[in-house]
N, C-alpha and C. Protein backbone atom coordinates (compact mmCIF):
# COMPACT_ATOMS: atom_id res chain seq x y z
N LEU A 1 21.39 -0.79 -23.99
CA LEU A 1 21.64 0.47 -23.19
C LEU A 1 20.45 0.76 -22.36
N GLY A 2 19.23 0.63 -22.82
CA GLY A 2 17.99 0.94 -21.97
C GLY A 2 18.13 0.16 -20.74
N ARG A 3 18.41 -1.21 -20.80
CA ARG A 3 18.47 -1.96 -19.56
C ARG A 3 19.52 -1.53 -18.60
N VAL A 4 20.63 -1.16 -19.17
CA VAL A 4 21.73 -0.63 -18.24
C VAL A 4 21.19 0.67 -17.59
N ALA A 5 20.51 1.53 -18.38
CA ALA A 5 20.10 2.80 -17.76
C ALA A 5 18.97 2.53 -16.67
N VAL A 6 18.21 1.50 -16.86
CA VAL A 6 17.31 1.11 -15.85
C VAL A 6 17.96 0.68 -14.58
N GLU A 7 19.06 -0.07 -14.66
CA GLU A 7 19.78 -0.52 -13.50
C GLU A 7 20.64 0.71 -12.80
N GLN A 8 21.25 1.50 -13.72
CA GLN A 8 22.27 2.44 -13.17
C GLN A 8 21.87 3.85 -13.23
N GLY A 9 21.15 4.25 -14.21
CA GLY A 9 20.92 5.67 -14.42
C GLY A 9 19.49 6.06 -14.17
N PRO A 10 19.26 7.31 -14.39
CA PRO A 10 17.86 7.72 -14.22
C PRO A 10 16.91 7.00 -15.20
N ILE A 11 15.77 6.72 -14.70
CA ILE A 11 14.72 5.81 -15.51
C ILE A 11 14.46 6.59 -16.76
N GLU A 12 14.37 7.95 -16.76
CA GLU A 12 14.07 8.66 -17.90
C GLU A 12 15.06 8.51 -18.99
N GLU A 13 16.34 8.21 -18.71
CA GLU A 13 17.34 7.87 -19.73
C GLU A 13 17.04 6.55 -20.21
N ALA A 14 16.54 5.64 -19.47
CA ALA A 14 16.19 4.29 -20.19
C ALA A 14 15.02 4.42 -21.05
N ILE A 15 13.98 5.24 -20.68
CA ILE A 15 12.82 5.44 -21.50
C ILE A 15 13.31 6.02 -22.84
N ALA A 16 14.15 7.07 -22.77
CA ALA A 16 14.75 7.66 -24.07
C ALA A 16 15.47 6.58 -24.96
N CYS A 17 16.27 5.71 -24.20
CA CYS A 17 16.87 4.73 -24.98
C CYS A 17 15.99 3.73 -25.77
N PHE A 18 14.95 3.31 -25.06
CA PHE A 18 13.95 2.37 -25.59
C PHE A 18 13.23 3.11 -26.74
N ARG A 19 12.90 4.33 -26.57
CA ARG A 19 12.13 5.00 -27.68
C ARG A 19 12.99 5.10 -28.83
N HIS A 20 14.32 5.48 -28.60
CA HIS A 20 15.30 5.47 -29.70
C HIS A 20 15.34 4.26 -30.47
N ALA A 21 15.46 3.17 -29.73
CA ALA A 21 15.54 1.84 -30.31
C ALA A 21 14.26 1.56 -31.23
N LEU A 22 13.12 1.92 -30.63
CA LEU A 22 11.84 1.73 -31.46
C LEU A 22 11.79 2.51 -32.79
N THR A 23 12.51 3.64 -32.84
CA THR A 23 12.57 4.35 -34.17
C THR A 23 13.18 3.42 -35.25
N ALA A 24 14.18 2.63 -34.79
CA ALA A 24 14.80 1.82 -35.83
C ALA A 24 14.13 0.34 -35.84
N HIS A 25 13.39 -0.02 -34.78
CA HIS A 25 12.93 -1.43 -34.65
C HIS A 25 11.56 -1.42 -34.02
N PRO A 26 10.56 -0.79 -34.72
CA PRO A 26 9.29 -0.69 -34.14
C PRO A 26 8.38 -1.90 -33.99
N ASN A 27 8.94 -2.99 -34.52
CA ASN A 27 8.23 -4.32 -34.50
C ASN A 27 8.90 -5.32 -33.67
N VAL A 28 9.68 -4.79 -32.65
CA VAL A 28 10.28 -5.75 -31.83
C VAL A 28 9.55 -5.68 -30.47
N ALA A 29 8.92 -6.73 -29.98
CA ALA A 29 7.99 -6.74 -28.90
C ALA A 29 8.90 -6.56 -27.64
N GLU A 30 10.02 -7.09 -27.64
CA GLU A 30 10.83 -7.06 -26.38
C GLU A 30 11.14 -5.51 -26.04
N ILE A 31 11.34 -4.77 -26.99
CA ILE A 31 11.67 -3.31 -26.78
C ILE A 31 10.43 -2.66 -26.16
N TRP A 32 9.21 -2.96 -26.74
CA TRP A 32 8.01 -2.36 -26.22
C TRP A 32 7.91 -2.87 -24.79
N PHE A 33 8.12 -4.12 -24.53
CA PHE A 33 7.98 -4.68 -23.16
C PHE A 33 8.87 -3.93 -22.19
N ASN A 34 10.16 -3.72 -22.53
CA ASN A 34 11.11 -3.06 -21.71
C ASN A 34 10.73 -1.56 -21.54
N LEU A 35 10.18 -1.00 -22.49
CA LEU A 35 9.74 0.37 -22.36
C LEU A 35 8.51 0.43 -21.37
N GLY A 36 7.67 -0.57 -21.53
CA GLY A 36 6.57 -0.63 -20.55
C GLY A 36 7.06 -0.72 -19.05
N ASN A 37 8.05 -1.54 -18.93
CA ASN A 37 8.61 -1.76 -17.61
C ASN A 37 9.14 -0.49 -16.98
N ALA A 38 9.90 0.22 -17.94
CA ALA A 38 10.48 1.52 -17.46
C ALA A 38 9.40 2.51 -17.09
N GLN A 39 8.33 2.58 -18.02
CA GLN A 39 7.25 3.49 -17.71
C GLN A 39 6.52 3.22 -16.48
N SER A 40 6.44 1.92 -16.20
CA SER A 40 5.77 1.46 -14.93
C SER A 40 6.53 1.88 -13.76
N ALA A 41 7.82 1.79 -13.87
CA ALA A 41 8.70 2.21 -12.84
C ALA A 41 8.54 3.72 -12.42
N THR A 42 8.18 4.56 -13.41
CA THR A 42 8.08 5.85 -13.14
C THR A 42 6.62 6.23 -12.67
N GLY A 43 5.72 5.25 -12.58
CA GLY A 43 4.34 5.40 -12.18
C GLY A 43 3.38 5.83 -13.20
N ASP A 44 3.85 5.77 -14.51
CA ASP A 44 3.07 6.14 -15.67
C ASP A 44 2.32 4.97 -16.09
N ALA A 45 1.27 4.57 -15.46
CA ALA A 45 0.48 3.34 -15.72
C ALA A 45 -0.10 3.38 -17.09
N ALA A 46 -0.60 4.46 -17.57
CA ALA A 46 -1.29 4.59 -18.80
C ALA A 46 -0.30 4.28 -19.96
N ALA A 47 0.91 4.92 -19.89
CA ALA A 47 1.86 4.73 -21.00
C ALA A 47 2.43 3.34 -20.96
N ALA A 48 2.58 2.79 -19.63
CA ALA A 48 3.14 1.44 -19.58
C ALA A 48 2.05 0.37 -20.17
N ALA A 49 0.81 0.63 -19.83
CA ALA A 49 -0.16 -0.35 -20.44
C ALA A 49 -0.24 -0.30 -21.97
N GLU A 50 -0.07 1.00 -22.43
CA GLU A 50 -0.14 1.14 -24.07
C GLU A 50 1.22 0.28 -24.57
N SER A 51 2.31 0.39 -23.87
CA SER A 51 3.52 -0.31 -24.41
C SER A 51 3.43 -1.78 -24.27
N TYR A 52 2.74 -2.17 -23.14
CA TYR A 52 2.52 -3.72 -23.01
C TYR A 52 1.48 -4.18 -24.18
N VAL A 53 0.52 -3.41 -24.47
CA VAL A 53 -0.37 -3.89 -25.48
C VAL A 53 0.27 -3.88 -26.80
N ARG A 54 1.17 -2.96 -27.07
CA ARG A 54 1.98 -2.91 -28.34
C ARG A 54 2.80 -4.17 -28.41
N ALA A 55 3.37 -4.50 -27.32
CA ALA A 55 4.22 -5.74 -27.24
C ALA A 55 3.24 -7.03 -27.60
N LEU A 56 2.22 -7.10 -26.95
CA LEU A 56 1.33 -8.15 -27.09
C LEU A 56 0.80 -8.36 -28.57
N ALA A 57 0.60 -7.11 -29.18
CA ALA A 57 0.10 -7.08 -30.60
C ALA A 57 1.12 -7.75 -31.53
N LEU A 58 2.37 -7.57 -31.18
CA LEU A 58 3.49 -8.17 -31.93
C LEU A 58 3.78 -9.64 -31.56
N LYS A 59 3.64 -9.87 -30.25
CA LYS A 59 3.94 -11.25 -29.73
C LYS A 59 2.89 -11.60 -28.69
N PRO A 60 1.72 -12.18 -29.26
CA PRO A 60 0.61 -12.46 -28.32
C PRO A 60 0.87 -13.49 -27.24
N ASP A 61 2.01 -14.32 -27.35
CA ASP A 61 2.25 -15.34 -26.44
C ASP A 61 3.18 -14.87 -25.38
N MET A 62 3.53 -13.60 -25.36
CA MET A 62 4.45 -13.02 -24.33
C MET A 62 3.94 -12.89 -22.94
N GLY A 63 4.06 -14.00 -22.20
CA GLY A 63 3.57 -14.22 -20.84
C GLY A 63 3.87 -12.95 -19.96
N PRO A 64 5.19 -12.58 -19.87
CA PRO A 64 5.42 -11.51 -18.96
C PRO A 64 4.65 -10.23 -19.24
N ALA A 65 4.52 -9.93 -20.48
CA ALA A 65 3.76 -8.75 -20.91
C ALA A 65 2.19 -8.84 -20.50
N HIS A 66 1.62 -10.00 -20.53
CA HIS A 66 0.36 -10.18 -20.09
C HIS A 66 0.26 -9.96 -18.51
N PHE A 67 1.27 -10.60 -17.92
CA PHE A 67 1.15 -10.44 -16.31
C PHE A 67 1.49 -8.95 -15.97
N ASN A 68 2.35 -8.23 -16.59
CA ASN A 68 2.69 -6.81 -16.28
C ASN A 68 1.48 -6.01 -16.56
N LEU A 69 0.78 -6.17 -17.69
CA LEU A 69 -0.35 -5.40 -18.27
C LEU A 69 -1.42 -5.62 -17.15
N GLY A 70 -1.64 -6.80 -16.73
CA GLY A 70 -2.68 -7.16 -15.70
C GLY A 70 -2.39 -6.26 -14.40
N ASN A 71 -1.17 -6.31 -14.04
CA ASN A 71 -0.74 -5.65 -12.81
C ASN A 71 -0.95 -3.99 -12.95
N VAL A 72 -0.57 -3.56 -14.16
CA VAL A 72 -0.71 -2.12 -14.33
C VAL A 72 -2.17 -1.65 -14.33
N LEU A 73 -2.95 -2.49 -15.05
CA LEU A 73 -4.42 -2.24 -15.04
C LEU A 73 -5.14 -2.33 -13.67
N ARG A 74 -4.62 -3.24 -12.98
CA ARG A 74 -5.08 -3.50 -11.64
C ARG A 74 -4.78 -2.32 -10.70
N GLU A 75 -3.59 -1.82 -10.79
CA GLU A 75 -3.09 -0.88 -9.84
C GLU A 75 -3.38 0.57 -10.37
N GLY A 76 -3.54 0.75 -11.70
CA GLY A 76 -3.78 1.96 -12.32
C GLY A 76 -5.18 2.42 -12.16
């Protein structure tokens, strides 16, 4: 639902969906990654960086999270 909200709805709705998913599945790196992407889209670099770090803590070899974290840190 979060990915659909990113594409079709307000980005805040996507963030809420990802946060809800994390309440049930806090150890899924992909959810943290998608949350970071949504946060980055709103310009919240600090929150996005934190989400990417959480994703990488769970899945250190997640290349896109490394890339996006680098971009957020460079731009933020």
